[in-house]
């Protein structure tokens, strides 16, 4: 990931001093599906093929992806398109489409210890160094298969899902962990990807919880240290009884 540095004045406990901080570089990338622009995403300049593949799957624009090519700041995706109606940008920060929300079907179950393992995997050196990034991870059958840090939490979800799409993984056997809060737009991405379990260090909203319940997603929030809260479909967490 590309960085730069900027000087600033830091106030700390009554003292002022000059500092030089590591700053993340951001770029606007255009995502085109079958030649038509479907989004302009502010993102970091890595894992761009995965960003394109994940975006079209997570927004419900396609079920499968044929190819992804990056040309400069254009990400060119070819796929059988399902949905075309554009709506306003949602709270997740990404473009939103009237494509409905898919219902997730999976018999995957994990233990509380595995929830904690997913949460611990979210941390990264880039996140700690800059403080400007969200991070997501994707586990497949208990194994870490993708990790992404980006200025947008929605981008990190698109990138790790896109990595699974490009690798041909069964997403119904996946668990996604991320740093960001979970409004309905973020939960819809995970549901459209067919991922049954979503773990976040942050909070959800009422509509995020409602969406997860209706879409068959197990939503786990406030996952920090040895604690977490399960809002929907707790049957996928083994041994979880009050």
C-alpha atoms as a PDB file:
ATOM      1  CA  UNK A   1       0.000   0.000   0.000  1.00  0.00           C
ATOM      2  CA  UNK A   2       1.366   3.399  -0.960  1.00  0.00           C
ATOM      3  CA  UNK A   3       1.993   5.984   1.746  1.00  0.00           C
ATOM      4  CA  UNK A   4       3.329   9.495   2.006  1.00  0.00           C
ATOM      5  CA  UNK A   5       4.309  11.635   4.998  1.00  0.00           C
ATOM      6  CA  UNK A   6       3.049  14.999   6.214  1.00  0.00           C
ATOM      7  CA  UNK A   7       4.300  17.266   8.955  1.00  0.00           C
ATOM      8  CA  UNK A   8       1.976  18.652  11.575  1.00  0.00           C
ATOM      9  CA  UNK A   9       1.850  20.213  15.010  1.00  0.00           C
ATOM     10  CA  UNK A  10       0.882  17.807  17.745  1.00  0.00           C
ATOM     11  CA  UNK A  11      -0.631  18.935  21.038  1.00  0.00           C
ATOM     12  CA  UNK A  12      -0.114  16.481  23.885  1.00  0.00           C
ATOM     13  CA  UNK A  13      -0.656  17.149  27.595  1.00  0.00           C
ATOM     14  CA  UNK A  14       0.024  20.868  27.242  1.00  0.00           C
ATOM     15  CA  UNK A  15       3.105  20.428  25.061  1.00  0.00           C
ATOM     16  CA  UNK A  16       3.304  21.251  21.341  1.00  0.00           C
ATOM     17  CA  UNK A  17       5.799  19.625  19.011  1.00  0.00           C
ATOM     18  CA  UNK A  18       6.340  18.952  15.336  1.00  0.00           C
ATOM     19  CA  UNK A  19       5.535  15.454  14.060  1.00  0.00           C
ATOM     20  CA  UNK A  20       5.780  13.702  10.707  1.00  0.00           C
ATOM     21  CA  UNK A  21       2.948  11.235  10.217  1.00  0.00           C
ATOM     22  CA  UNK A  22       2.513   8.400   7.729  1.00  0.00           C
ATOM     23  CA  UNK A  23      -0.481   9.210   5.510  1.00  0.00           C
ATOM     24  CA  UNK A  24      -2.365   6.828   3.223  1.00  0.00           C
ATOM     25  CA  UNK A  25      -2.745   7.745  -0.457  1.00  0.00           C
ATOM     26  CA  UNK A  26      -6.235   7.496  -1.927  1.00  0.00           C
ATOM     27  CA  UNK A  27      -7.308   7.295  -5.570  1.00  0.00           C
ATOM     28  CA  UNK A  28     -10.702   7.300  -7.295  1.00  0.00           C
ATOM     29  CA  UNK A  29     -11.232   4.179  -9.388  1.00  0.00           C
ATOM     30  CA  UNK A  30     -14.021   3.677 -11.899  1.00  0.00           C
ATOM     31  CA  UNK A  31     -15.680   0.264 -11.957  1.00  0.00           C
ATOM     32  CA  UNK A  32     -17.195  -0.654 -15.306  1.00  0.00           C
ATOM     33  CA  UNK A  33     -19.441  -3.665 -15.819  1.00  0.00           C
ATOM     34  CA  UNK A  34     -19.585  -4.818 -19.442  1.00  0.00           C
ATOM     35  CA  UNK A  35     -18.351  -1.380 -20.526  1.00  0.00           C
ATOM     36  CA  UNK A  36     -20.828   0.659 -18.446  1.00  0.00           C
ATOM     37  CA  UNK A  37     -19.621   2.581 -15.415  1.00  0.00           C
ATOM     38  CA  UNK A  38     -21.425   1.378 -12.289  1.00  0.00           C
ATOM     39  CA  UNK A  39     -19.359   3.078  -9.592  1.00  0.00           C
ATOM     40  CA  UNK A  40     -16.572   5.512  -8.789  1.00  0.00           C
ATOM     41  CA  UNK A  41     -14.860   4.280  -5.624  1.00  0.00           C
ATOM     42  CA  UNK A  42     -12.308   6.145  -3.514  1.00  0.00           C
ATOM     43  CA  UNK A  43      -9.885   3.375  -2.576  1.00  0.00           C
ATOM     44  CA  UNK A  44      -6.289   2.386  -1.995  1.00  0.00           C
ATOM     45  CA  UNK A  45      -4.407   1.150  -5.043  1.00  0.00           C
ATOM     46  CA  UNK A  46      -4.096  -2.566  -4.299  1.00  0.00           C
ATOM     47  CA  UNK A  47      -6.229  -5.680  -4.828  1.00  0.00           C
ATOM     48  CA  UNK A  48      -8.070  -3.838  -7.585  1.00  0.00           C
ATOM     49  CA  UNK A  49      -9.153  -6.946  -9.502  1.00  0.00           C
ATOM     50  CA  UNK A  50     -10.708  -8.240  -6.303  1.00  0.00           C
ATOM     51  CA  UNK A  51     -12.377  -4.852  -5.708  1.00  0.00           C
ATOM     52  CA  UNK A  52     -14.078  -5.011  -9.100  1.00  0.00           C
ATOM     53  CA  UNK A  53     -15.168  -8.624  -8.773  1.00  0.00           C
ATOM     54  CA  UNK A  54     -16.397  -8.179  -5.223  1.00  0.00           C
ATOM     55  CA  UNK A  55     -18.295  -4.990  -5.961  1.00  0.00           C
ATOM     56  CA  UNK A  56     -20.469  -6.467  -8.716  1.00  0.00           C
ATOM     57  CA  UNK A  57     -21.215  -9.586  -6.653  1.00  0.00           C
ATOM     58  CA  UNK A  58     -21.861  -7.730  -3.390  1.00  0.00           C
ATOM     59  CA  UNK A  59     -24.159  -5.164  -5.000  1.00  0.00           C
ATOM     60  CA  UNK A  60     -26.223  -7.938  -6.581  1.00  0.00           C
ATOM     61  CA  UNK A  61     -25.269  -6.885 -10.103  1.00  0.00           C
ATOM     62  CA  UNK A  62     -24.055 -10.360 -11.031  1.00  0.00           C
ATOM     63  CA  UNK A  63     -23.895 -13.920  -9.684  1.00  0.00           C
ATOM     64  CA  UNK A  64     -20.615 -14.772 -11.388  1.00  0.00           C
ATOM     65  CA  UNK A  65     -17.666 -12.892 -12.882  1.00  0.00           C
ATOM     66  CA  UNK A  66     -16.056 -13.815 -16.203  1.00  0.00           C
ATOM     67  CA  UNK A  67     -13.001 -11.537 -16.076  1.00  0.00           C
ATOM     68  CA  UNK A  68     -11.492  -8.456 -14.443  1.00  0.00           C
ATOM     69  CA  UNK A  69      -8.902  -6.163 -16.029  1.00  0.00           C
ATOM     70  CA  UNK A  70      -7.311  -3.036 -14.549  1.00  0.00           C
ATOM     71  CA  UNK A  71      -6.313  -0.219 -16.917  1.00  0.00           C
ATOM     72  CA  UNK A  72      -4.999   2.795 -15.056  1.00  0.00           C
ATOM     73  CA  UNK A  73      -7.809   3.903 -12.767  1.00  0.00           C
ATOM     74  CA  UNK A  74     -10.446   1.872 -14.639  1.00  0.00           C
ATOM     75  CA  UNK A  75     -11.480  -1.562 -13.359  1.00  0.00           C
ATOM     76  CA  UNK A  76     -13.153  -3.463 -16.207  1.00  0.00           C
ATOM     77  CA  UNK A  77     -15.432  -6.330 -15.189  1.00  0.00           C
ATOM     78  CA  UNK A  78     -17.253  -8.666 -17.535  1.00  0.00           C
ATOM     79  CA  UNK A  79     -20.135 -10.710 -16.119  1.00  0.00           C
ATOM     80  CA  UNK A  80     -23.740 -11.715 -16.863  1.00  0.00           C
ATOM     81  CA  UNK A  81     -25.570  -8.690 -15.476  1.00  0.00           C
ATOM     82  CA  UNK A  82     -28.649  -9.132 -13.286  1.00  0.00           C
ATOM     83  CA  UNK A  83     -29.593  -5.622 -12.217  1.00  0.00           C
ATOM     84  CA  UNK A  84     -29.471  -2.144 -13.714  1.00  0.00           C
ATOM     85  CA  UNK A  85     -31.544   0.248 -11.579  1.00  0.00           C
ATOM     86  CA  UNK A  86     -29.396   2.827  -9.787  1.00  0.00           C
ATOM     87  CA  UNK A  87     -30.449   4.465  -6.512  1.00  0.00           C
ATOM     88  CA  UNK A  88     -28.763   6.962  -4.218  1.00  0.00           C
ATOM     89  CA  UNK A  89     -25.529   6.292  -2.362  1.00  0.00           C
ATOM     90  CA  UNK A  90     -26.213   4.436   0.886  1.00  0.00           C
ATOM     91  CA  UNK A  91     -24.802   4.722   4.393  1.00  0.00           C
ATOM     92  CA  UNK A  92     -22.177   2.087   3.622  1.00  0.00           C
ATOM     93  CA  UNK A  93     -20.398   4.625   1.431  1.00  0.00           C
ATOM     94  CA  UNK A  94     -20.853   2.733  -1.827  1.00  0.00           C
ATOM     95  CA  UNK A  95     -23.276   2.989  -4.703  1.00  0.00           C
ATOM     96  CA  UNK A  96     -26.570   1.174  -4.106  1.00  0.00           C
ATOM     97  CA  UNK A  97     -28.803  -0.708  -6.574  1.00  0.00           C
ATOM     98  CA  UNK A  98     -32.377  -1.917  -6.492  1.00  0.00           C
ATOM     99  CA  UNK A  99     -31.326  -5.533  -6.854  1.00  0.00           C
ATOM    100  CA  UNK A 100     -32.933  -6.961  -3.763  1.00  0.00           C
ATOM    101  CA  UNK A 101     -31.087  -8.969  -1.127  1.00  0.00           C
ATOM    102  CA  UNK A 102     -30.291 -12.642  -1.537  1.00  0.00           C
ATOM    103  CA  UNK A 103     -31.060 -15.113   1.228  1.00  0.00           C
ATOM    104  CA  UNK A 104     -28.046 -16.991   2.559  1.00  0.00           C
ATOM    105  CA  UNK A 105     -28.318 -20.747   2.985  1.00  0.00           C
ATOM    106  CA  UNK A 106     -25.484 -22.532   4.768  1.00  0.00           C
ATOM    107  CA  UNK A 107     -25.015 -25.190   7.414  1.00  0.00           C
ATOM    108  CA  UNK A 108     -21.700 -23.658   8.508  1.00  0.00           C
ATOM    109  CA  UNK A 109     -21.231 -23.448  12.278  1.00  0.00           C
ATOM    110  CA  UNK A 110     -18.299 -22.049  14.264  1.00  0.00           C
ATOM    111  CA  UNK A 111     -17.286 -21.870  17.914  1.00  0.00           C
ATOM    112  CA  UNK A 112     -16.917 -18.749  20.075  1.00  0.00           C
ATOM    113  CA  UNK A 113     -13.146 -19.344  19.952  1.00  0.00           C
ATOM    114  CA  UNK A 114     -13.275 -19.093  16.155  1.00  0.00           C
ATOM    115  CA  UNK A 115     -15.141 -15.759  16.405  1.00  0.00           C
ATOM    116  CA  UNK A 116     -12.290 -14.455  18.550  1.00  0.00           C
ATOM    117  CA  UNK A 117      -9.730 -15.837  16.059  1.00  0.00           C
ATOM    118  CA  UNK A 118     -11.450 -14.016  13.188  1.00  0.00           C
ATOM    119  CA  UNK A 119     -11.489 -10.772  15.191  1.00  0.00           C
ATOM    120  CA  UNK A 120      -7.801 -11.017  16.065  1.00  0.00           C
ATOM    121  CA  UNK A 121      -6.911 -11.530  12.395  1.00  0.00           C
ATOM    122  CA  UNK A 122      -8.427  -8.161  11.443  1.00  0.00           C
ATOM    123  CA  UNK A 123      -5.528  -6.138  12.864  1.00  0.00           C
ATOM    124  CA  UNK A 124      -2.734  -5.049  10.516  1.00  0.00           C
ATOM    125  CA  UNK A 125       0.470  -3.012  10.630  1.00  0.00           C
ATOM    126  CA  UNK A 126      -0.953  -0.536   8.087  1.00  0.00           C
ATOM    127  CA  UNK A 127      -4.044   0.008  10.240  1.00  0.00           C
ATOM    128  CA  UNK A 128      -1.985   0.603  13.375  1.00  0.00           C
ATOM    129  CA  UNK A 129       0.564   2.818  11.606  1.00  0.00           C
ATOM    130  CA  UNK A 130      -1.839   5.185   9.859  1.00  0.00           C
ATOM    131  CA  UNK A 131      -5.105   5.080  11.804  1.00  0.00           C
ATOM    132  CA  UNK A 132      -6.854   5.842   8.489  1.00  0.00           C
ATOM    133  CA  UNK A 133      -7.859   2.390   7.344  1.00  0.00           C
ATOM    134  CA  UNK A 134     -10.606  -0.148   7.778  1.00  0.00           C
ATOM    135  CA  UNK A 135      -9.741  -3.825   7.506  1.00  0.00           C
ATOM    136  CA  UNK A 136     -11.602  -7.008   6.590  1.00  0.00           C
ATOM    137  CA  UNK A 137     -10.636 -10.665   6.618  1.00  0.00           C
ATOM    138  CA  UNK A 138     -12.233 -13.751   5.090  1.00  0.00           C
ATOM    139  CA  UNK A 139     -11.951 -17.259   6.505  1.00  0.00           C
ATOM    140  CA  UNK A 140     -12.869 -20.333   4.459  1.00  0.00           C
ATOM    141  CA  UNK A 141     -13.451 -23.551   6.419  1.00  0.00           C
ATOM    142  CA  UNK A 142     -11.433 -22.146   9.309  1.00  0.00           C
ATOM    143  CA  UNK A 143      -8.495 -20.874   7.241  1.00  0.00           C
ATOM    144  CA  UNK A 144      -7.615 -17.224   6.545  1.00  0.00           C
ATOM    145  CA  UNK A 145      -7.828 -16.810   2.755  1.00  0.00           C
ATOM    146  CA  UNK A 146      -8.057 -13.034   2.214  1.00  0.00           C
ATOM    147  CA  UNK A 147      -7.245  -9.800   4.026  1.00  0.00           C
ATOM    148  CA  UNK A 148      -7.690  -6.200   2.934  1.00  0.00           C
ATOM    149  CA  UNK A 149      -7.129  -2.713   4.335  1.00  0.00           C
ATOM    150  CA  UNK A 150      -8.620   0.335   2.628  1.00  0.00           C
ATOM    151  CA  UNK A 151      -9.855   3.879   3.321  1.00  0.00           C
ATOM    152  CA  UNK A 152     -13.433   2.623   2.842  1.00  0.00           C
ATOM    153  CA  UNK A 153     -14.876  -0.189   4.940  1.00  0.00           C
ATOM    154  CA  UNK A 154     -17.127  -1.177   2.027  1.00  0.00           C
ATOM    155  CA  UNK A 155     -14.033  -1.523  -0.182  1.00  0.00           C
ATOM    156  CA  UNK A 156     -12.437  -3.976   2.241  1.00  0.00           C
ATOM    157  CA  UNK A 157     -15.520  -6.179   2.106  1.00  0.00           C
ATOM    158  CA  UNK A 158     -15.591  -5.999  -1.704  1.00  0.00           C
ATOM    159  CA  UNK A 159     -11.894  -6.890  -1.889  1.00  0.00           C
ATOM    160  CA  UNK A 160     -11.966  -9.964   0.331  1.00  0.00           C
ATOM    161  CA  UNK A 161     -15.154 -11.242  -1.308  1.00  0.00           C
ATOM    162  CA  UNK A 162     -13.642 -10.526  -4.710  1.00  0.00           C
ATOM    163  CA  UNK A 163     -10.594 -12.577  -3.761  1.00  0.00           C
ATOM    164  CA  UNK A 164     -12.890 -15.503  -2.959  1.00  0.00           C
ATOM    165  CA  UNK A 165     -14.773 -15.040  -6.245  1.00  0.00           C
ATOM    166  CA  UNK A 166     -11.559 -15.019  -8.282  1.00  0.00           C
ATOM    167  CA  UNK A 167     -10.262 -18.075  -6.400  1.00  0.00           C
ATOM    168  CA  UNK A 168     -13.513 -19.988  -6.971  1.00  0.00           C
ATOM    169  CA  UNK A 169     -14.130 -20.570  -3.252  1.00  0.00           C
ATOM    170  CA  UNK A 170     -17.473 -21.711  -1.842  1.00  0.00           C
ATOM    171  CA  UNK A 171     -18.616 -18.548  -0.076  1.00  0.00           C
ATOM    172  CA  UNK A 172     -21.268 -20.424   1.887  1.00  0.00           C
ATOM    173  CA  UNK A 173     -18.326 -21.861   3.873  1.00  0.00           C
ATOM    174  CA  UNK A 174     -16.888 -18.440   4.701  1.00  0.00           C
ATOM    175  CA  UNK A 175     -16.811 -16.099   7.695  1.00  0.00           C
ATOM    176  CA  UNK A 176     -16.159 -12.398   7.147  1.00  0.00           C
ATOM    177  CA  UNK A 177     -14.610 -10.184   9.835  1.00  0.00           C
ATOM    178  CA  UNK A 178     -14.287  -6.410   9.652  1.00  0.00           C
ATOM    179  CA  UNK A 179     -13.611  -3.277  11.651  1.00  0.00           C
ATOM    180  CA  UNK A 180     -16.528  -1.153  10.453  1.00  0.00           C
ATOM    181  CA  UNK A 181     -20.063  -0.618  11.684  1.00  0.00           C
ATOM    182  CA  UNK A 182     -22.836  -2.621  10.042  1.00  0.00           C
ATOM    183  CA  UNK A 183     -25.756  -0.636   8.628  1.00  0.00           C
ATOM    184  CA  UNK A 184     -28.075  -2.358   6.177  1.00  0.00           C
ATOM    185  CA  UNK A 185     -25.922  -1.529   3.135  1.00  0.00           C
ATOM    186  CA  UNK A 186     -22.938  -3.370   4.559  1.00  0.00           C
ATOM    187  CA  UNK A 187     -25.000  -6.386   5.616  1.00  0.00           C
ATOM    188  CA  UNK A 188     -26.557  -6.554   2.127  1.00  0.00           C
ATOM    189  CA  UNK A 189     -23.090  -6.916   0.606  1.00  0.00           C
ATOM    190  CA  UNK A 190     -22.338  -9.923   2.764  1.00  0.00           C
ATOM    191  CA  UNK A 191     -25.752 -11.468   2.086  1.00  0.00           C
ATOM    192  CA  UNK A 192     -25.455 -10.991  -1.681  1.00  0.00           C
ATOM    193  CA  UNK A 193     -22.042 -12.658  -1.525  1.00  0.00           C
ATOM    194  CA  UNK A 194     -23.630 -15.688   0.137  1.00  0.00           C
ATOM    195  CA  UNK A 195     -21.459 -15.444   3.273  1.00  0.00           C
ATOM    196  CA  UNK A 196     -23.370 -16.795   6.297  1.00  0.00           C
ATOM    197  CA  UNK A 197     -21.437 -15.275   9.223  1.00  0.00           C
ATOM    198  CA  UNK A 198     -20.401 -11.629   9.660  1.00  0.00           C
ATOM    199  CA  UNK A 199     -18.204 -10.565  12.586  1.00  0.00           C
ATOM    200  CA  UNK A 200     -17.536  -6.886  13.348  1.00  0.00           C
ATOM    201  CA  UNK A 201     -15.573  -5.083  16.008  1.00  0.00           C
ATOM    202  CA  UNK A 202     -18.105  -2.249  15.732  1.00  0.00           C
ATOM    203  CA  UNK A 203     -21.853  -1.753  16.143  1.00  0.00           C
ATOM    204  CA  UNK A 204     -24.798  -2.384  13.847  1.00  0.00           C
ATOM    205  CA  UNK A 205     -27.913  -0.311  13.261  1.00  0.00           C
ATOM    206  CA  UNK A 206     -31.511  -1.419  13.648  1.00  0.00           C
ATOM    207  CA  UNK A 207     -31.830  -1.860   9.886  1.00  0.00           C
ATOM    208  CA  UNK A 208     -28.544  -3.730   9.752  1.00  0.00           C
ATOM    209  CA  UNK A 209     -29.893  -6.220  12.292  1.00  0.00           C
ATOM    210  CA  UNK A 210     -33.257  -6.458  10.510  1.00  0.00           C
ATOM    211  CA  UNK A 211     -31.536  -7.058   7.165  1.00  0.00           C
ATOM    212  CA  UNK A 212     -29.277  -9.739   8.624  1.00  0.00           C
ATOM    213  CA  UNK A 213     -32.230 -11.538  10.189  1.00  0.00           C
ATOM    214  CA  UNK A 214     -34.271 -11.516   6.994  1.00  0.00           C
ATOM    215  CA  UNK A 215     -31.307 -12.501   4.789  1.00  0.00           C
ATOM    216  CA  UNK A 216     -30.166 -15.435   6.903  1.00  0.00           C
ATOM    217  CA  UNK A 217     -26.882 -13.837   8.021  1.00  0.00           C
ATOM    218  CA  UNK A 218     -25.468 -14.470  11.483  1.00  0.00           C
ATOM    219  CA  UNK A 219     -24.513 -10.970  12.656  1.00  0.00           C
ATOM    220  CA  UNK A 220     -21.896 -10.711  15.414  1.00  0.00           C
ATOM    221  CA  UNK A 221     -20.926  -7.230  16.654  1.00  0.00           C
ATOM    222  CA  UNK A 222     -18.809  -5.633  19.380  1.00  0.00           C
ATOM    223  CA  UNK A 223     -16.310  -8.473  18.994  1.00  0.00           C
ATOM    224  CA  UNK A 224     -13.402  -7.328  21.136  1.00  0.00           C
ATOM    225  CA  UNK A 225     -11.116  -9.370  23.322  1.00  0.00           C
ATOM    226  CA  UNK A 226     -13.072 -12.268  24.788  1.00  0.00           C
ATOM    227  CA  UNK A 227     -16.564 -10.847  24.258  1.00  0.00           C
ATOM    228  CA  UNK A 228     -19.050 -10.354  21.423  1.00  0.00           C
ATOM    229  CA  UNK A 229     -22.796  -9.948  20.843  1.00  0.00           C
ATOM    230  CA  UNK A 230     -24.831 -12.105  18.436  1.00  0.00           C
ATOM    231  CA  UNK A 231     -27.943 -10.378  17.070  1.00  0.00           C
ATOM    232  CA  UNK A 232     -29.259 -12.799  14.456  1.00  0.00           C
ATOM    233  CA  UNK A 233     -29.185 -16.534  13.700  1.00  0.00           C
ATOM    234  CA  UNK A 234     -27.211 -17.615  16.778  1.00  0.00           C
ATOM    235  CA  UNK A 235     -27.716 -21.259  15.772  1.00  0.00           C
ATOM    236  CA  UNK A 236     -24.477 -20.998  13.759  1.00  0.00           C
ATOM    237  CA  UNK A 237     -22.495 -20.440  16.991  1.00  0.00           C
ATOM    238  CA  UNK A 238     -21.970 -23.801  18.686  1.00  0.00           C
ATOM    239  CA  UNK A 239     -22.269 -24.002  22.456  1.00  0.00           C
ATOM    240  CA  UNK A 240     -23.782 -20.525  22.714  1.00  0.00           C
ATOM    241  CA  UNK A 241     -26.399 -20.685  25.452  1.00  0.00           C
ATOM    242  CA  UNK A 242     -27.229 -18.024  28.069  1.00  0.00           C
END
